[in-house]
């Protein structure tokens, strides 16, 4: 019960900034870039870490952290094993949600949309600029599958290093996804839990902007 009491009293008052209709851009990608550039300049740990939430065709959700590896006005790109749990869920249900949380700025961004695979060429180009140990990590892991123990995984890693040397191939079941947004929510923490929540929602070819209650 003591731990529960401690949890009840864990809270911060957010006072760092505000988000008003008068100080946002008309394009959500530009607004995201503005916030993301500030995060990059702040040198915080893993500024590109994001949660991606997927769901099965029956609506059973799951979420995990991945790293953003590129974005522009066509969408947000990350890389993974296509046969992982998220890969299988995206095959069944190609819609997902991203969440960025930047504690130092008391900000979060939620992005919803449809997921598509990027080209094989672009996946291979990115794979080949990764650190070589990371390439072997991707090659040796059947992500999300049960394995007997860690030693089996480490042996597979070493065997593949011996086999391919400095030129490991891009796994056939590994590559990039792009989330193509239809909705953004920019959240700025405010005092007394009266947070700012500004949404951009795609309506035909335009972005509708509105505020949500906290």
N, C-alpha and C. Protein backbone atom coordinates (compact mmCIF):
# COMPACT_ATOMS: atom_id res chain seq x y z
N UNK A 1 0.82 -1.21 0.00
CA UNK A 1 0.00 0.00 0.00
C UNK A 1 0.85 1.26 0.00
N UNK A 2 2.04 1.16 0.60
CA UNK A 2 2.91 2.33 0.62
C UNK A 2 3.30 2.74 -0.80
N UNK A 3 3.58 1.72 -1.64
CA UNK A 3 3.95 2.04 -3.01
C UNK A 3 2.80 2.72 -3.75
N UNK A 4 1.57 2.28 -3.51
CA UNK A 4 0.42 2.91 -4.14
C UNK A 4 0.28 4.36 -3.71
N UNK A 5 0.54 4.62 -2.41
CA UNK A 5 0.47 6.00 -1.93
C UNK A 5 1.52 6.87 -2.62
N UNK A 6 2.69 6.30 -2.81
CA UNK A 6 3.74 7.05 -3.50
C UNK A 6 3.33 7.38 -4.94
N UNK A 7 2.74 6.40 -5.61
CA UNK A 7 2.30 6.62 -6.99
C UNK A 7 1.25 7.73 -7.06
N UNK A 8 0.34 7.74 -6.10
CA UNK A 8 -0.72 8.75 -6.11
C UNK A 8 -0.16 10.16 -6.02
N UNK A 9 1.01 10.29 -5.39
CA UNK A 9 1.58 11.63 -5.17
C UNK A 9 2.65 12.00 -6.19
N UNK A 10 2.88 11.14 -7.17
CA UNK A 10 3.87 11.47 -8.21
C UNK A 10 3.21 12.36 -9.26
N UNK A 11 3.62 13.62 -9.32
CA UNK A 11 3.07 14.52 -10.33
C UNK A 11 3.98 15.74 -10.50
N UNK A 12 3.95 16.30 -11.67
CA UNK A 12 4.67 17.52 -11.98
C UNK A 12 3.69 18.56 -12.50
N UNK A 13 3.99 19.81 -12.28
CA UNK A 13 3.23 20.88 -12.90
C UNK A 13 4.01 21.35 -14.12
N UNK A 14 3.40 21.28 -15.28
CA UNK A 14 4.08 21.66 -16.50
C UNK A 14 3.94 23.16 -16.73
N UNK A 15 5.08 23.83 -16.87
CA UNK A 15 5.06 25.30 -16.97
C UNK A 15 6.02 25.84 -18.01
N UNK A 16 6.61 24.96 -18.81
CA UNK A 16 7.71 25.39 -19.67
C UNK A 16 7.26 26.26 -20.84
N UNK A 17 6.10 25.92 -21.44
CA UNK A 17 5.73 26.62 -22.69
C UNK A 17 4.23 26.56 -22.87
N UNK A 18 3.77 27.09 -24.00
CA UNK A 18 2.36 27.04 -24.35
C UNK A 18 2.24 26.79 -25.84
N UNK A 19 1.07 26.31 -26.26
CA UNK A 19 0.80 26.05 -27.67
C UNK A 19 -0.53 26.69 -28.01
N UNK A 20 -0.47 27.75 -28.79
CA UNK A 20 -1.66 28.52 -29.13
C UNK A 20 -1.88 28.51 -30.64
N UNK A 21 -3.13 28.69 -31.05
CA UNK A 21 -3.44 28.74 -32.46
C UNK A 21 -2.67 29.86 -33.16
N UNK A 22 -2.30 30.88 -32.43
CA UNK A 22 -1.59 32.01 -33.03
C UNK A 22 -0.10 31.74 -33.27
N UNK A 23 0.43 30.65 -32.68
CA UNK A 23 1.87 30.40 -32.87
C UNK A 23 2.18 29.04 -33.47
N UNK A 24 1.23 28.50 -34.25
CA UNK A 24 1.48 27.23 -34.93
C UNK A 24 1.46 27.45 -36.44
N UNK A 25 2.08 26.50 -37.15
CA UNK A 25 2.07 26.56 -38.60
C UNK A 25 0.79 25.98 -39.16
N UNK A 26 0.50 26.30 -40.41
CA UNK A 26 -0.70 25.77 -41.06
C UNK A 26 -0.50 24.35 -41.59
N UNK A 27 0.76 23.90 -41.60
CA UNK A 27 1.10 22.58 -42.11
C UNK A 27 1.69 21.75 -40.96
N UNK A 28 1.14 20.57 -40.66
CA UNK A 28 1.63 19.80 -39.52
C UNK A 28 3.05 19.28 -39.67
N UNK A 29 3.48 19.05 -40.90
CA UNK A 29 4.86 18.59 -41.11
C UNK A 29 5.85 19.70 -40.75
N UNK A 30 5.50 20.93 -41.08
CA UNK A 30 6.36 22.06 -40.71
C UNK A 30 6.38 22.25 -39.20
N UNK A 31 5.20 22.09 -38.57
CA UNK A 31 5.13 22.20 -37.12
C UNK A 31 5.95 21.11 -36.45
N UNK A 32 5.87 19.89 -36.97
CA UNK A 32 6.67 18.79 -36.42
C UNK A 32 8.15 19.08 -36.57
N UNK A 33 8.56 19.52 -37.75
CA UNK A 33 9.98 19.81 -37.98
C UNK A 33 10.48 20.89 -37.04
N UNK A 34 9.66 21.90 -36.78
CA UNK A 34 10.05 22.96 -35.86
C UNK A 34 10.31 22.39 -34.47
N UNK A 35 9.40 21.60 -33.98
CA UNK A 35 9.59 20.98 -32.66
C UNK A 35 10.77 20.01 -32.66
N UNK A 36 10.87 19.20 -33.72
CA UNK A 36 11.93 18.19 -33.75
C UNK A 36 13.31 18.83 -33.84
N UNK A 37 13.43 19.91 -34.58
CA UNK A 37 14.72 20.61 -34.65
C UNK A 37 15.14 21.13 -33.27
N UNK A 38 14.20 21.62 -32.49
CA UNK A 38 14.51 22.07 -31.13
C UNK A 38 15.00 20.92 -30.27
N UNK A 39 14.37 19.77 -30.43
CA UNK A 39 14.78 18.58 -29.67
C UNK A 39 16.18 18.16 -30.06
N UNK A 40 16.49 18.16 -31.34
CA UNK A 40 17.83 17.78 -31.80
C UNK A 40 18.90 18.71 -31.23
N UNK A 41 18.61 20.01 -31.21
CA UNK A 41 19.59 20.98 -30.71
C UNK A 41 19.81 20.84 -29.21
N UNK A 42 18.83 20.27 -28.51
CA UNK A 42 18.93 20.12 -27.06
C UNK A 42 19.80 18.94 -26.65
N UNK A 43 20.19 18.11 -27.63
CA UNK A 43 21.07 16.95 -27.35
C UNK A 43 20.50 16.02 -26.29
N UNK A 44 19.19 15.78 -26.34
CA UNK A 44 18.61 14.83 -25.39
C UNK A 44 18.87 13.40 -25.90
N UNK A 45 18.71 12.42 -25.03
CA UNK A 45 18.94 11.03 -25.39
C UNK A 45 17.83 10.53 -26.30
N UNK A 46 18.22 9.87 -27.39
CA UNK A 46 17.28 9.24 -28.33
C UNK A 46 16.11 10.18 -28.70
N UNK A 47 16.39 11.32 -29.29
CA UNK A 47 15.31 12.25 -29.64
C UNK A 47 14.36 11.67 -30.67
N UNK A 48 14.81 10.67 -31.43
CA UNK A 48 13.99 10.06 -32.47
C UNK A 48 13.27 8.80 -32.00
N UNK A 49 13.32 8.50 -30.71
CA UNK A 49 12.59 7.35 -30.19
C UNK A 49 11.09 7.63 -30.22
N UNK A 50 10.34 6.65 -30.68
CA UNK A 50 8.88 6.82 -30.76
C UNK A 50 8.20 5.49 -30.49
N UNK A 51 7.04 5.56 -29.90
CA UNK A 51 6.20 4.37 -29.73
C UNK A 51 5.38 4.19 -31.00
N UNK A 52 5.32 2.95 -31.49
CA UNK A 52 4.40 2.66 -32.58
C UNK A 52 3.38 1.65 -32.07
N UNK A 53 2.12 2.00 -32.21
CA UNK A 53 1.03 1.13 -31.81
C UNK A 53 0.38 0.53 -33.05
N UNK A 54 0.23 -0.80 -33.04
CA UNK A 54 -0.42 -1.51 -34.13
C UNK A 54 -1.57 -2.33 -33.53
N UNK A 55 -2.34 -2.94 -34.39
CA UNK A 55 -3.43 -3.80 -33.91
C UNK A 55 -3.68 -4.90 -34.92
N UNK A 56 -4.20 -6.02 -34.42
CA UNK A 56 -4.58 -7.11 -35.31
C UNK A 56 -5.86 -6.74 -36.06
N UNK A 57 -6.27 -7.60 -36.97
CA UNK A 57 -7.52 -7.34 -37.70
C UNK A 57 -8.72 -7.38 -36.76
N UNK A 58 -8.55 -8.01 -35.59
CA UNK A 58 -9.62 -8.06 -34.60
C UNK A 58 -9.54 -6.94 -33.58
N UNK A 59 -8.58 -6.02 -33.76
CA UNK A 59 -8.48 -4.86 -32.90
C UNK A 59 -7.69 -5.06 -31.62
N UNK A 60 -6.94 -6.15 -31.51
CA UNK A 60 -6.11 -6.37 -30.32
C UNK A 60 -4.83 -5.55 -30.49
N UNK A 61 -4.56 -4.58 -29.59
CA UNK A 61 -3.44 -3.65 -29.80
C UNK A 61 -2.13 -4.16 -29.20
N UNK A 62 -1.04 -3.60 -29.70
CA UNK A 62 0.27 -3.77 -29.07
C UNK A 62 1.11 -2.54 -29.41
N UNK A 63 2.08 -2.25 -28.56
CA UNK A 63 2.91 -1.06 -28.76
C UNK A 63 4.34 -1.37 -28.36
N UNK A 64 5.27 -0.66 -28.99
CA UNK A 64 6.70 -0.83 -28.68
C UNK A 64 7.45 0.40 -29.18
N UNK A 65 8.70 0.55 -28.69
CA UNK A 65 9.53 1.67 -29.10
C UNK A 65 10.33 1.30 -30.35
N UNK A 66 10.40 2.23 -31.28
CA UNK A 66 11.28 2.10 -32.45
C UNK A 66 11.95 3.45 -32.66
N UNK A 67 12.83 3.54 -33.65
CA UNK A 67 13.52 4.79 -33.93
C UNK A 67 13.08 5.36 -35.28
N UNK A 68 12.72 6.62 -35.28
CA UNK A 68 12.43 7.33 -36.53
C UNK A 68 13.73 7.49 -37.31
N UNK A 69 13.68 7.14 -38.60
CA UNK A 69 14.89 7.23 -39.41
C UNK A 69 14.76 8.17 -40.60
N UNK A 70 13.63 8.84 -40.72
CA UNK A 70 13.47 9.81 -41.78
C UNK A 70 12.04 10.32 -41.81
N UNK A 71 11.87 11.58 -42.21
CA UNK A 71 10.52 12.10 -42.41
C UNK A 71 10.57 13.26 -43.40
N UNK A 72 9.48 13.40 -44.12
CA UNK A 72 9.25 14.53 -45.01
C UNK A 72 7.74 14.63 -45.16
N UNK A 73 7.29 15.38 -46.14
CA UNK A 73 5.84 15.57 -46.27
C UNK A 73 5.13 14.39 -46.89
N UNK A 74 5.86 13.30 -47.13
CA UNK A 74 5.19 12.06 -47.56
C UNK A 74 4.98 11.12 -46.38
N UNK A 75 5.70 11.32 -45.26
CA UNK A 75 5.48 10.45 -44.12
C UNK A 75 6.71 10.24 -43.25
N UNK A 76 6.59 9.27 -42.33
CA UNK A 76 7.59 9.00 -41.29
C UNK A 76 8.09 7.57 -41.44
N UNK A 77 9.41 7.40 -41.53
CA UNK A 77 10.00 6.10 -41.88
C UNK A 77 10.73 5.47 -40.71
N UNK A 78 10.53 4.16 -40.55
CA UNK A 78 11.29 3.36 -39.59
C UNK A 78 11.57 2.01 -40.22
N UNK A 79 12.45 1.24 -39.59
CA UNK A 79 12.87 -0.05 -40.15
C UNK A 79 12.67 -1.15 -39.12
N UNK A 80 12.37 -2.35 -39.63
CA UNK A 80 12.14 -3.47 -38.73
C UNK A 80 12.12 -4.77 -39.52
N UNK A 81 11.91 -5.86 -38.79
CA UNK A 81 11.73 -7.17 -39.40
C UNK A 81 10.26 -7.29 -39.83
N UNK A 82 10.03 -7.59 -41.10
CA UNK A 82 8.66 -7.68 -41.60
C UNK A 82 7.88 -8.86 -41.00
N UNK A 83 8.60 -9.83 -40.43
CA UNK A 83 7.94 -11.00 -39.85
C UNK A 83 7.83 -10.90 -38.32
N UNK A 84 8.16 -9.74 -37.77
CA UNK A 84 7.99 -9.51 -36.34
C UNK A 84 6.50 -9.39 -36.02
N UNK A 85 6.18 -9.26 -34.74
CA UNK A 85 4.78 -9.12 -34.37
C UNK A 85 4.16 -7.89 -35.05
N UNK A 86 4.87 -6.76 -35.01
CA UNK A 86 4.30 -5.56 -35.64
C UNK A 86 4.17 -5.73 -37.14
N UNK A 87 5.14 -6.43 -37.75
CA UNK A 87 5.06 -6.67 -39.18
C UNK A 87 3.85 -7.51 -39.55
N UNK A 88 3.58 -8.54 -38.77
CA UNK A 88 2.43 -9.39 -39.03
C UNK A 88 1.12 -8.63 -38.81
N UNK A 89 1.11 -7.80 -37.76
CA UNK A 89 -0.10 -7.01 -37.50
C UNK A 89 -0.34 -5.99 -38.61
N UNK A 90 0.73 -5.38 -39.11
CA UNK A 90 0.57 -4.40 -40.19
C UNK A 90 0.12 -5.06 -41.49
N UNK A 91 0.45 -6.32 -41.66
CA UNK A 91 -0.03 -7.05 -42.83
C UNK A 91 -1.53 -7.26 -42.75
N UNK A 92 -2.03 -7.51 -41.53
CA UNK A 92 -3.47 -7.70 -41.30
C UNK A 92 -4.23 -6.38 -41.30
N UNK A 93 -3.59 -5.37 -40.71
CA UNK A 93 -4.27 -4.09 -40.47
C UNK A 93 -3.25 -2.98 -40.69
N UNK A 94 -3.21 -2.37 -41.86
CA UNK A 94 -2.13 -1.44 -42.22
C UNK A 94 -2.30 -0.02 -41.68
N UNK A 95 -2.87 0.10 -40.48
CA UNK A 95 -3.01 1.40 -39.84
C UNK A 95 -2.29 1.38 -38.50
N UNK A 96 -1.66 2.51 -38.16
CA UNK A 96 -0.87 2.56 -36.93
C UNK A 96 -0.85 3.97 -36.38
N UNK A 97 -0.30 4.09 -35.18
CA UNK A 97 -0.17 5.38 -34.52
C UNK A 97 1.24 5.51 -33.96
N UNK A 98 1.83 6.68 -34.11
CA UNK A 98 3.14 6.99 -33.56
C UNK A 98 2.98 7.94 -32.38
N UNK A 99 3.86 7.82 -31.41
CA UNK A 99 3.85 8.74 -30.28
C UNK A 99 5.28 9.13 -29.94
N UNK A 100 5.56 10.43 -29.96
CA UNK A 100 6.83 10.99 -29.49
C UNK A 100 6.57 11.66 -28.14
N UNK A 101 7.45 11.40 -27.17
CA UNK A 101 7.36 12.06 -25.86
C UNK A 101 8.71 12.68 -25.56
N UNK A 102 8.74 14.00 -25.45
CA UNK A 102 9.96 14.74 -25.16
C UNK A 102 9.80 15.41 -23.80
N UNK A 103 10.20 14.70 -22.78
CA UNK A 103 10.00 15.14 -21.39
C UNK A 103 10.63 16.49 -21.13
N UNK A 104 11.82 16.71 -21.67
CA UNK A 104 12.53 17.96 -21.41
C UNK A 104 11.77 19.18 -21.91
N UNK A 105 10.91 18.99 -22.89
CA UNK A 105 10.11 20.09 -23.44
C UNK A 105 8.65 20.02 -22.99
N UNK A 106 8.31 19.00 -22.21
CA UNK A 106 6.93 18.80 -21.76
C UNK A 106 5.99 18.73 -22.95
N UNK A 107 6.41 17.95 -23.97
CA UNK A 107 5.66 17.88 -25.22
C UNK A 107 5.51 16.44 -25.68
N UNK A 108 4.40 16.18 -26.35
CA UNK A 108 4.25 14.94 -27.07
C UNK A 108 3.56 15.20 -28.40
N UNK A 109 3.81 14.30 -29.35
CA UNK A 109 3.16 14.37 -30.65
C UNK A 109 2.61 12.99 -30.98
N UNK A 110 1.34 12.95 -31.34
CA UNK A 110 0.70 11.72 -31.80
C UNK A 110 0.42 11.86 -33.28
N UNK A 111 0.73 10.80 -34.04
CA UNK A 111 0.53 10.81 -35.49
C UNK A 111 -0.16 9.51 -35.88
N UNK A 112 -1.25 9.63 -36.61
CA UNK A 112 -2.01 8.45 -37.04
C UNK A 112 -2.05 8.38 -38.56
N UNK A 113 -2.05 7.16 -39.09
CA UNK A 113 -2.14 7.04 -40.53
C UNK A 113 -1.98 5.63 -41.02
N UNK A 114 -1.83 5.53 -42.32
CA UNK A 114 -1.69 4.24 -42.99
C UNK A 114 -0.21 3.92 -43.18
N UNK A 115 0.13 2.65 -43.06
CA UNK A 115 1.52 2.20 -43.20
C UNK A 115 1.71 1.53 -44.56
N UNK A 116 2.83 1.87 -45.21
CA UNK A 116 3.23 1.20 -46.45
C UNK A 116 4.71 0.84 -46.38
N UNK A 117 5.10 -0.23 -47.03
CA UNK A 117 6.52 -0.56 -47.14
C UNK A 117 7.20 0.43 -48.08
N UNK A 118 8.45 0.76 -47.77
CA UNK A 118 9.22 1.56 -48.70
C UNK A 118 9.85 0.63 -49.73
N UNK A 119 10.54 1.17 -50.71
CA UNK A 119 11.11 0.33 -51.77
C UNK A 119 12.24 -0.54 -51.23
N UNK A 120 12.44 -1.67 -51.89
CA UNK A 120 13.54 -2.57 -51.51
C UNK A 120 14.88 -1.85 -51.66
N UNK A 121 15.01 -1.06 -52.69
CA UNK A 121 16.25 -0.32 -52.93
C UNK A 121 16.56 0.61 -51.75
N UNK A 122 15.56 1.34 -51.28
CA UNK A 122 15.78 2.27 -50.15
C UNK A 122 16.10 1.50 -48.86
N UNK A 123 15.47 0.35 -48.68
CA UNK A 123 15.75 -0.47 -47.50
C UNK A 123 17.19 -0.97 -47.52
N UNK A 124 17.63 -1.42 -48.67
CA UNK A 124 19.01 -1.94 -48.79
C UNK A 124 20.02 -0.82 -48.60
N UNK A 125 19.73 0.36 -49.14
CA UNK A 125 20.65 1.49 -48.97
C UNK A 125 20.81 1.84 -47.50
N UNK A 126 19.71 1.86 -46.76
CA UNK A 126 19.82 2.17 -45.33
C UNK A 126 20.53 1.04 -44.58
N UNK A 127 20.18 -0.20 -44.89
CA UNK A 127 20.81 -1.34 -44.21
C UNK A 127 22.33 -1.27 -44.32
N UNK A 128 22.82 -0.89 -45.49
CA UNK A 128 24.26 -0.91 -45.75
C UNK A 128 25.03 0.25 -45.13
N UNK A 129 24.33 1.23 -44.55
CA UNK A 129 25.03 2.29 -43.82
C UNK A 129 24.90 2.11 -42.31
N UNK A 130 24.20 1.08 -41.87
CA UNK A 130 24.11 0.80 -40.44
C UNK A 130 25.46 0.28 -39.94
N UNK A 131 25.76 0.42 -38.64
CA UNK A 131 26.96 -0.22 -38.09
C UNK A 131 26.91 -1.71 -38.40
N UNK A 132 28.05 -2.29 -38.72
CA UNK A 132 28.06 -3.67 -39.18
C UNK A 132 27.52 -4.64 -38.13
N UNK A 133 27.75 -4.36 -36.86
CA UNK A 133 27.22 -5.24 -35.81
C UNK A 133 25.69 -5.19 -35.78
N UNK A 134 25.13 -4.01 -36.05
CA UNK A 134 23.67 -3.90 -36.11
C UNK A 134 23.12 -4.67 -37.30
N UNK A 135 23.86 -4.67 -38.41
CA UNK A 135 23.43 -5.44 -39.57
C UNK A 135 23.39 -6.93 -39.24
N UNK A 136 24.42 -7.38 -38.54
CA UNK A 136 24.42 -8.80 -38.15
C UNK A 136 23.35 -9.09 -37.11
N UNK A 137 23.03 -8.11 -36.28
CA UNK A 137 21.94 -8.29 -35.33
C UNK A 137 20.62 -8.54 -36.04
N UNK A 138 20.37 -7.74 -37.09
CA UNK A 138 19.13 -7.92 -37.86
C UNK A 138 19.13 -9.24 -38.62
N UNK A 139 20.29 -9.62 -39.12
CA UNK A 139 20.39 -10.84 -39.92
C UNK A 139 20.23 -12.09 -39.06
N UNK A 140 20.66 -12.03 -37.83
CA UNK A 140 20.67 -13.23 -36.99
C UNK A 140 19.39 -13.43 -36.19
N UNK A 141 18.53 -12.42 -36.12
CA UNK A 141 17.34 -12.51 -35.28
C UNK A 141 16.06 -12.72 -36.08
N UNK A 142 15.32 -13.76 -35.75
CA UNK A 142 13.96 -13.94 -36.25
C UNK A 142 13.04 -13.23 -35.26
N UNK A 143 12.96 -11.93 -35.39
CA UNK A 143 12.35 -11.07 -34.37
C UNK A 143 10.96 -11.54 -33.96
N UNK A 144 10.74 -11.56 -32.65
CA UNK A 144 9.47 -11.92 -32.01
C UNK A 144 9.23 -13.42 -31.94
N UNK A 145 10.11 -14.24 -32.53
CA UNK A 145 9.95 -15.69 -32.45
C UNK A 145 10.59 -16.23 -31.17
N UNK A 146 10.02 -17.30 -30.63
CA UNK A 146 10.58 -17.94 -29.43
C UNK A 146 11.94 -18.54 -29.76
N UNK A 147 12.89 -18.42 -28.81
CA UNK A 147 14.22 -19.02 -28.98
C UNK A 147 14.61 -19.73 -27.69
N UNK A 148 15.36 -20.79 -27.82
CA UNK A 148 15.68 -21.64 -26.67
C UNK A 148 16.44 -20.89 -25.59
N UNK A 149 17.46 -20.14 -25.98
CA UNK A 149 18.25 -19.36 -25.01
C UNK A 149 19.09 -18.35 -25.77
N UNK A 150 19.78 -17.48 -25.02
CA UNK A 150 20.58 -16.44 -25.66
C UNK A 150 21.78 -17.01 -26.40
N UNK A 151 22.31 -18.12 -25.90
CA UNK A 151 23.49 -18.71 -26.53
C UNK A 151 23.22 -19.10 -27.98
N UNK A 152 22.03 -19.58 -28.25
CA UNK A 152 21.67 -19.93 -29.63
C UNK A 152 21.74 -18.70 -30.54
N UNK A 153 21.23 -17.60 -30.04
CA UNK A 153 21.25 -16.35 -30.81
C UNK A 153 22.68 -15.86 -31.04
N UNK A 154 23.50 -15.89 -29.99
CA UNK A 154 24.87 -15.42 -30.12
C UNK A 154 25.69 -16.30 -31.06
N UNK A 155 25.44 -17.61 -31.02
CA UNK A 155 26.15 -18.52 -31.93
C UNK A 155 25.77 -18.24 -33.38
N UNK A 156 24.47 -18.00 -33.61
CA UNK A 156 24.03 -17.68 -34.96
C UNK A 156 24.70 -16.40 -35.46
N UNK A 157 24.81 -15.40 -34.58
CA UNK A 157 25.47 -14.13 -34.90
C UNK A 157 26.92 -14.39 -35.33
N UNK A 158 27.65 -15.16 -34.55
CA UNK A 158 29.06 -15.43 -34.85
C UNK A 158 29.21 -16.25 -36.13
N UNK A 159 28.32 -17.21 -36.33
CA UNK A 159 28.39 -18.03 -37.55
C UNK A 159 28.16 -17.19 -38.79
N UNK A 160 27.24 -16.24 -38.71
CA UNK A 160 26.97 -15.38 -39.86
C UNK A 160 28.13 -14.43 -40.12
N UNK A 161 28.75 -13.93 -39.04
CA UNK A 161 29.95 -13.09 -39.22
C UNK A 161 31.04 -13.84 -39.98
N UNK A 162 31.25 -15.10 -39.62
CA UNK A 162 32.26 -15.91 -40.31
C UNK A 162 31.87 -16.14 -41.77
N UNK A 163 30.58 -16.28 -42.02
CA UNK A 163 30.12 -16.59 -43.37
C UNK A 163 30.22 -15.38 -44.31
N UNK A 164 29.85 -14.19 -43.82
CA UNK A 164 29.73 -13.04 -44.71
C UNK A 164 30.80 -11.97 -44.53
N UNK A 165 31.57 -12.01 -43.45
CA UNK A 165 32.64 -11.05 -43.26
C UNK A 165 32.15 -9.61 -43.22
N UNK A 166 32.70 -8.77 -44.08
CA UNK A 166 32.38 -7.35 -44.07
C UNK A 166 31.17 -6.99 -44.92
N UNK A 167 30.53 -7.97 -45.54
CA UNK A 167 29.43 -7.68 -46.46
C UNK A 167 28.18 -8.52 -46.18
N UNK A 168 27.58 -8.34 -45.02
CA UNK A 168 26.35 -9.09 -44.75
C UNK A 168 25.21 -8.62 -45.66
N UNK A 169 24.43 -9.55 -46.19
CA UNK A 169 23.33 -9.16 -47.08
C UNK A 169 22.14 -8.61 -46.30
N UNK A 170 21.35 -7.78 -46.95
CA UNK A 170 20.11 -7.31 -46.33
C UNK A 170 19.14 -8.48 -46.24
N UNK A 171 18.63 -8.78 -45.05
CA UNK A 171 17.67 -9.89 -44.93
C UNK A 171 16.44 -9.64 -45.80
N UNK A 172 15.93 -10.71 -46.40
CA UNK A 172 14.74 -10.58 -47.25
C UNK A 172 13.53 -10.12 -46.45
N UNK A 173 13.52 -10.46 -45.15
CA UNK A 173 12.35 -10.13 -44.32
C UNK A 173 12.57 -8.86 -43.48
N UNK A 174 13.46 -8.01 -43.92
CA UNK A 174 13.80 -6.80 -43.16
C UNK A 174 13.70 -5.60 -44.10
N UNK A 175 13.20 -4.47 -43.58
CA UNK A 175 13.16 -3.27 -44.40
C UNK A 175 12.38 -2.15 -43.75
N UNK A 176 12.05 -1.16 -44.54
CA UNK A 176 11.43 0.05 -44.02
C UNK A 176 9.93 0.10 -44.22
N UNK A 177 9.30 0.82 -43.30
CA UNK A 177 7.89 1.17 -43.41
C UNK A 177 7.79 2.69 -43.37
N UNK A 178 6.75 3.20 -44.01
CA UNK A 178 6.45 4.63 -43.92
C UNK A 178 5.02 4.80 -43.44
N UNK A 179 4.84 5.61 -42.39
CA UNK A 179 3.50 5.97 -41.96
C UNK A 179 3.10 7.24 -42.68
N UNK A 180 1.98 7.17 -43.41
CA UNK A 180 1.46 8.31 -44.17
C UNK A 180 0.34 8.92 -43.35
N UNK A 181 0.56 10.09 -42.75
CA UNK A 181 -0.38 10.61 -41.76
C UNK A 181 -1.69 11.12 -42.33
N UNK A 182 -2.75 10.92 -41.53
CA UNK A 182 -4.00 11.63 -41.79
C UNK A 182 -4.43 12.44 -40.57
N UNK A 183 -3.65 12.32 -39.48
CA UNK A 183 -3.97 13.10 -38.29
C UNK A 183 -2.73 13.29 -37.43
N UNK A 184 -2.56 14.51 -36.91
CA UNK A 184 -1.51 14.85 -35.95
C UNK A 184 -2.18 15.44 -34.71
N UNK A 185 -1.59 15.18 -33.55
CA UNK A 185 -1.96 15.93 -32.35
C UNK A 185 -0.69 16.41 -31.66
N UNK A 186 -0.57 17.72 -31.50
CA UNK A 186 0.55 18.33 -30.78
C UNK A 186 0.07 18.69 -29.37
N UNK A 187 0.79 18.19 -28.39
CA UNK A 187 0.41 18.33 -26.98
C UNK A 187 1.50 19.08 -26.23
N UNK A 188 1.11 20.15 -25.56
CA UNK A 188 2.04 20.92 -24.72
C UNK A 188 1.52 20.90 -23.30
N UNK A 189 2.34 20.38 -22.37
CA UNK A 189 1.93 20.37 -20.97
C UNK A 189 1.75 21.78 -20.43
N UNK A 190 0.69 21.97 -19.65
CA UNK A 190 0.40 23.27 -19.05
C UNK A 190 0.08 23.10 -17.57
N UNK A 191 0.13 24.20 -16.86
CA UNK A 191 -0.12 24.21 -15.43
C UNK A 191 -1.56 23.75 -15.11
N UNK A 192 -1.69 23.07 -13.98
CA UNK A 192 -2.99 22.63 -13.46
C UNK A 192 -3.70 21.66 -14.39
N UNK A 193 -2.93 20.96 -15.20
CA UNK A 193 -3.44 19.95 -16.14
C UNK A 193 -4.35 20.54 -17.23
N UNK A 194 -4.26 21.84 -17.44
CA UNK A 194 -5.00 22.47 -18.54
C UNK A 194 -4.11 22.49 -19.79
N UNK A 195 -3.77 21.29 -20.25
CA UNK A 195 -2.81 21.14 -21.34
C UNK A 195 -3.36 21.67 -22.66
N UNK A 196 -2.44 22.07 -23.54
CA UNK A 196 -2.80 22.46 -24.90
C UNK A 196 -2.75 21.25 -25.81
N UNK A 197 -3.83 21.04 -26.58
CA UNK A 197 -3.89 19.94 -27.55
C UNK A 197 -4.43 20.50 -28.86
N UNK A 198 -3.54 20.59 -29.84
CA UNK A 198 -3.91 21.11 -31.16
C UNK A 198 -3.81 19.97 -32.18
N UNK A 199 -4.89 19.74 -32.92
CA UNK A 199 -4.93 18.67 -33.91
C UNK A 199 -4.94 19.22 -35.33
N UNK A 200 -4.33 18.44 -36.20
CA UNK A 200 -4.43 18.65 -37.64
C UNK A 200 -5.03 17.37 -38.22
N UNK A 201 -6.11 17.49 -38.95
CA UNK A 201 -6.74 16.32 -39.54
C UNK A 201 -6.92 16.53 -41.04
N UNK A 202 -6.53 15.52 -41.81
CA UNK A 202 -6.60 15.62 -43.28
C UNK A 202 -8.05 15.50 -43.73
N UNK A 203 -8.54 16.52 -44.42
CA UNK A 203 -9.88 16.50 -45.00
C UNK A 203 -9.71 16.79 -46.48
N UNK A 204 -9.89 15.75 -47.30
CA UNK A 204 -9.57 15.81 -48.73
C UNK A 204 -8.10 16.19 -48.87
N UNK A 205 -7.77 17.34 -49.42
CA UNK A 205 -6.36 17.70 -49.59
C UNK A 205 -5.92 18.81 -48.65
N UNK A 206 -6.75 19.14 -47.67
CA UNK A 206 -6.44 20.22 -46.74
C UNK A 206 -6.32 19.69 -45.32
N UNK A 207 -5.64 20.48 -44.47
CA UNK A 207 -5.51 20.14 -43.07
C UNK A 207 -6.45 21.02 -42.24
N UNK A 208 -7.40 20.37 -41.58
CA UNK A 208 -8.29 21.06 -40.66
C UNK A 208 -7.61 21.14 -39.30
N UNK A 209 -7.61 22.32 -38.69
CA UNK A 209 -6.94 22.53 -37.40
C UNK A 209 -8.00 22.83 -36.33
N UNK A 210 -7.89 22.12 -35.20
CA UNK A 210 -8.83 22.38 -34.10
C UNK A 210 -8.17 22.03 -32.77
N UNK A 211 -8.75 22.54 -31.70
CA UNK A 211 -8.25 22.32 -30.35
C UNK A 211 -9.12 21.28 -29.63
N UNK A 212 -8.45 20.40 -28.85
CA UNK A 212 -9.16 19.44 -28.00
C UNK A 212 -9.05 19.88 -26.54
N UNK A 213 -10.06 19.58 -25.77
CA UNK A 213 -9.99 19.81 -24.34
C UNK A 213 -8.99 18.83 -23.71
N UNK A 214 -8.32 19.25 -22.65
CA UNK A 214 -7.31 18.38 -22.05
C UNK A 214 -7.91 17.22 -21.27
